[in-house]
Amino acid sequence: MSQANIEKRPNQDTSVAAVSGVIDVTNAVALKRAGESILSEMDSPLVIDLSGIEHSGSVGVSVLLAWMRLASAQGKEIQFLDMPDKMFDVARVSGLDEVFPLSTAASSAHSS
């Protein structure tokens, strides 16, 4: 398993950043800060691709919430693409599944 990482991805229509690796308590703060730096540089709408996450739970959900707050404070639209099932389960149990701006594909994948 690899450390968590976020990087900008080239895309003509939207600003895309991809998250990969394992998000845990040992790297969540560094990932949050790296994401905040990248998201601050990007134009709205922001798309955060979560498909590369190998493992995460509640700590990953807290990082996404921090990024949502930052985007809101900067007046930017943000959307999460392909949230891993375990993260979605944590969000659902805590009632956050209705709060996260998930892509249409991710929303339909988790609508059961």
C-alpha atoms as a PDB file:
ATOM      1  CA  MET A   1       0.000   0.000   0.000  1.00  0.00           C
ATOM      2  CA  SER A   2       1.191   3.478  -0.802  1.00  0.00           C
ATOM      3  CA  GLN A   3       1.099   6.773   1.042  1.00  0.00           C
ATOM      4  CA  ALA A   4      -1.745   9.156   0.275  1.00  0.00           C
ATOM      5  CA  ASN A   5      -1.118  11.696  -2.445  1.00  0.00           C
ATOM      6  CA  ILE A   6      -3.027  14.364  -4.351  1.00  0.00           C
ATOM      7  CA  GLU A   7      -2.013  15.773  -7.711  1.00  0.00           C
ATOM      8  CA  LYS A   8      -3.487  17.907 -10.445  1.00  0.00           C
ATOM      9  CA  ARG A   9      -4.558  16.079 -13.576  1.00  0.00           C
ATOM     10  CA  PRO A  10      -4.786  17.718 -16.973  1.00  0.00           C
ATOM     11  CA  ASN A  11      -8.346  18.245 -18.176  1.00  0.00           C
ATOM     12  CA  GLN A  12      -9.676  20.776 -20.663  1.00  0.00           C
ATOM     13  CA  ASP A  13     -13.137  21.371 -19.199  1.00  0.00           C
ATOM     14  CA  THR A  14     -12.725  21.244 -15.412  1.00  0.00           C
ATOM     15  CA  SER A  15     -10.067  21.414 -12.737  1.00  0.00           C
ATOM     16  CA  VAL A  16      -9.296  17.834 -11.693  1.00  0.00           C
ATOM     17  CA  ALA A  17      -7.189  16.588  -8.805  1.00  0.00           C
ATOM     18  CA  ALA A  18      -6.653  12.892  -8.147  1.00  0.00           C
ATOM     19  CA  VAL A  19      -6.192  11.352  -4.713  1.00  0.00           C
ATOM     20  CA  SER A  20      -4.362   8.045  -4.431  1.00  0.00           C
ATOM     21  CA  GLY A  21      -2.902   5.696  -1.858  1.00  0.00           C
ATOM     22  CA  VAL A  22      -3.842   4.960   1.730  1.00  0.00           C
ATOM     23  CA  ILE A  23      -5.337   7.723   3.885  1.00  0.00           C
ATOM     24  CA  ASP A  24      -4.765   7.147   7.590  1.00  0.00           C
ATOM     25  CA  VAL A  25      -4.002   9.067  10.771  1.00  0.00           C
ATOM     26  CA  THR A  26      -0.296   9.201   9.976  1.00  0.00           C
ATOM     27  CA  ASN A  27      -0.747  11.184   6.757  1.00  0.00           C
ATOM     28  CA  ALA A  28      -4.190  12.814   6.867  1.00  0.00           C
ATOM     29  CA  VAL A  29      -2.956  16.243   7.997  1.00  0.00           C
ATOM     30  CA  ALA A  30      -0.266  16.352   5.301  1.00  0.00           C
ATOM     31  CA  LEU A  31      -2.788  15.245   2.660  1.00  0.00           C
ATOM     32  CA  LYS A  32      -5.300  17.848   3.847  1.00  0.00           C
ATOM     33  CA  ARG A  33      -2.680  20.610   3.575  1.00  0.00           C
ATOM     34  CA  ALA A  34      -1.424  19.432   0.180  1.00  0.00           C
ATOM     35  CA  GLY A  35      -4.998  19.314  -1.073  1.00  0.00           C
ATOM     36  CA  GLU A  36      -5.754  22.773   0.264  1.00  0.00           C
ATOM     37  CA  SER A  37      -2.744  24.157  -1.572  1.00  0.00           C
ATOM     38  CA  ILE A  38      -3.708  22.485  -4.859  1.00  0.00           C
ATOM     39  CA  LEU A  39      -7.405  23.349  -4.563  1.00  0.00           C
ATOM     40  CA  SER A  40      -6.601  26.992  -3.856  1.00  0.00           C
ATOM     41  CA  GLU A  41      -4.718  27.165  -7.175  1.00  0.00           C
ATOM     42  CA  MET A  42      -7.470  25.498  -9.204  1.00  0.00           C
ATOM     43  CA  ASP A  43     -10.456  27.098 -10.900  1.00  0.00           C
ATOM     44  CA  SER A  44     -14.055  26.150 -10.216  1.00  0.00           C
ATOM     45  CA  PRO A  45     -15.625  23.691 -10.734  1.00  0.00           C
ATOM     46  CA  LEU A  46     -13.257  21.376  -8.901  1.00  0.00           C
ATOM     47  CA  VAL A  47     -13.460  17.628  -9.439  1.00  0.00           C
ATOM     48  CA  ILE A  48     -11.662  15.420  -6.941  1.00  0.00           C
ATOM     49  CA  ASP A  49     -11.117  11.931  -8.336  1.00  0.00           C
ATOM     50  CA  LEU A  50     -11.065   9.456  -5.453  1.00  0.00           C
ATOM     51  CA  SER A  51     -10.755   6.296  -7.553  1.00  0.00           C
ATOM     52  CA  GLY A  52      -7.074   5.852  -6.685  1.00  0.00           C
ATOM     53  CA  ILE A  53      -7.652   5.564  -2.936  1.00  0.00           C
ATOM     54  CA  GLU A  54      -6.523   2.127  -1.797  1.00  0.00           C
ATOM     55  CA  HIS A  55      -7.860   2.359   1.767  1.00  0.00           C
ATOM     56  CA  SER A  56      -9.542   4.976   3.903  1.00  0.00           C
ATOM     57  CA  GLY A  57     -12.275   5.344   6.458  1.00  0.00           C
ATOM     58  CA  SER A  58     -13.406   8.129   8.742  1.00  0.00           C
ATOM     59  CA  VAL A  59     -10.105  10.019   8.581  1.00  0.00           C
ATOM     60  CA  GLY A  60     -10.456  10.277   4.795  1.00  0.00           C
ATOM     61  CA  VAL A  61     -14.007  11.543   5.197  1.00  0.00           C
ATOM     62  CA  SER A  62     -12.723  14.289   7.505  1.00  0.00           C
ATOM     63  CA  VAL A  63     -10.161  15.348   4.870  1.00  0.00           C
ATOM     64  CA  LEU A  64     -12.923  15.621   2.251  1.00  0.00           C
ATOM     65  CA  LEU A  65     -15.017  17.729   4.643  1.00  0.00           C
ATOM     66  CA  ALA A  66     -12.080  20.108   5.128  1.00  0.00           C
ATOM     67  CA  TRP A  67     -11.709  20.452   1.356  1.00  0.00           C
ATOM     68  CA  MET A  68     -15.458  21.113   1.031  1.00  0.00           C
ATOM     69  CA  ARG A  69     -15.202  23.912   3.618  1.00  0.00           C
ATOM     70  CA  LEU A  70     -12.241  25.440   1.767  1.00  0.00           C
ATOM     71  CA  ALA A  71     -14.030  25.323  -1.583  1.00  0.00           C
ATOM     72  CA  SER A  72     -17.110  26.929  -0.036  1.00  0.00           C
ATOM     73  CA  ALA A  73     -15.031  29.668   1.599  1.00  0.00           C
ATOM     74  CA  GLN A  74     -13.422  30.390  -1.779  1.00  0.00           C
ATOM     75  CA  GLY A  75     -16.764  30.387  -3.592  1.00  0.00           C
ATOM     76  CA  LYS A  76     -15.830  27.324  -5.637  1.00  0.00           C
ATOM     77  CA  GLU A  77     -17.976  24.378  -6.627  1.00  0.00           C
ATOM     78  CA  ILE A  78     -16.482  20.996  -5.695  1.00  0.00           C
ATOM     79  CA  GLN A  79     -17.468  17.477  -6.645  1.00  0.00           C
ATOM     80  CA  PHE A  80     -16.123  14.088  -5.561  1.00  0.00           C
ATOM     81  CA  LEU A  81     -15.818  11.377  -8.180  1.00  0.00           C
ATOM     82  CA  ASP A  82     -15.761   7.631  -7.459  1.00  0.00           C
ATOM     83  CA  MET A  83     -15.765   7.667  -3.657  1.00  0.00           C
ATOM     84  CA  PRO A  84     -14.573   4.240  -2.443  1.00  0.00           C
ATOM     85  CA  ASP A  85     -17.268   2.058  -0.875  1.00  0.00           C
ATOM     86  CA  LYS A  86     -15.743   2.080   2.624  1.00  0.00           C
ATOM     87  CA  MET A  87     -15.567   5.880   2.665  1.00  0.00           C
ATOM     88  CA  PHE A  88     -19.133   6.083   1.397  1.00  0.00           C
ATOM     89  CA  ASP A  89     -20.288   3.689   4.134  1.00  0.00           C
ATOM     90  CA  VAL A  90     -18.679   5.901   6.787  1.00  0.00           C
ATOM     91  CA  ALA A  91     -20.327   8.961   5.241  1.00  0.00           C
ATOM     92  CA  ARG A  92     -23.699   7.214   5.127  1.00  0.00           C
ATOM     93  CA  VAL A  93     -23.556   6.045   8.760  1.00  0.00           C
ATOM     94  CA  SER A  94     -22.737   9.579   9.887  1.00  0.00           C
ATOM     95  CA  GLY A  95     -25.391  11.172   7.650  1.00  0.00           C
ATOM     96  CA  LEU A  96     -22.826  12.860   5.423  1.00  0.00           C
ATOM     97  CA  ASP A  97     -23.804  10.985   2.265  1.00  0.00           C
ATOM     98  CA  GLU A  98     -26.418  13.690   1.715  1.00  0.00           C
ATOM     99  CA  VAL A  99     -23.803  16.419   2.225  1.00  0.00           C
ATOM    100  CA  PHE A 100     -21.029  15.240  -0.073  1.00  0.00           C
ATOM    101  CA  PRO A 101     -21.320  16.524  -3.647  1.00  0.00           C
ATOM    102  CA  LEU A 102     -20.840  13.218  -5.447  1.00  0.00           C
ATOM    103  CA  SER A 103     -20.738  12.863  -9.187  1.00  0.00           C
ATOM    104  CA  THR A 104     -23.755  11.334 -10.900  1.00  0.00           C
ATOM    105  CA  ALA A 105     -21.786   8.143 -11.568  1.00  0.00           C
ATOM    106  CA  ALA A 106     -20.687   7.858  -7.948  1.00  0.00           C
ATOM    107  CA  SER A 107     -24.147   8.673  -6.618  1.00  0.00           C
ATOM    108  CA  SER A 108     -25.833   5.999  -8.694  1.00  0.00           C
ATOM    109  CA  ALA A 109     -23.165   3.460  -7.774  1.00  0.00           C
ATOM    110  CA  HIS A 110     -23.928   3.974  -4.080  1.00  0.00           C
ATOM    111  CA  SER A 111     -27.695   4.394  -4.268  1.00  0.00           C
ATOM    112  CA  SER A 112     -28.532   0.916  -2.990  1.00  0.00           C
END
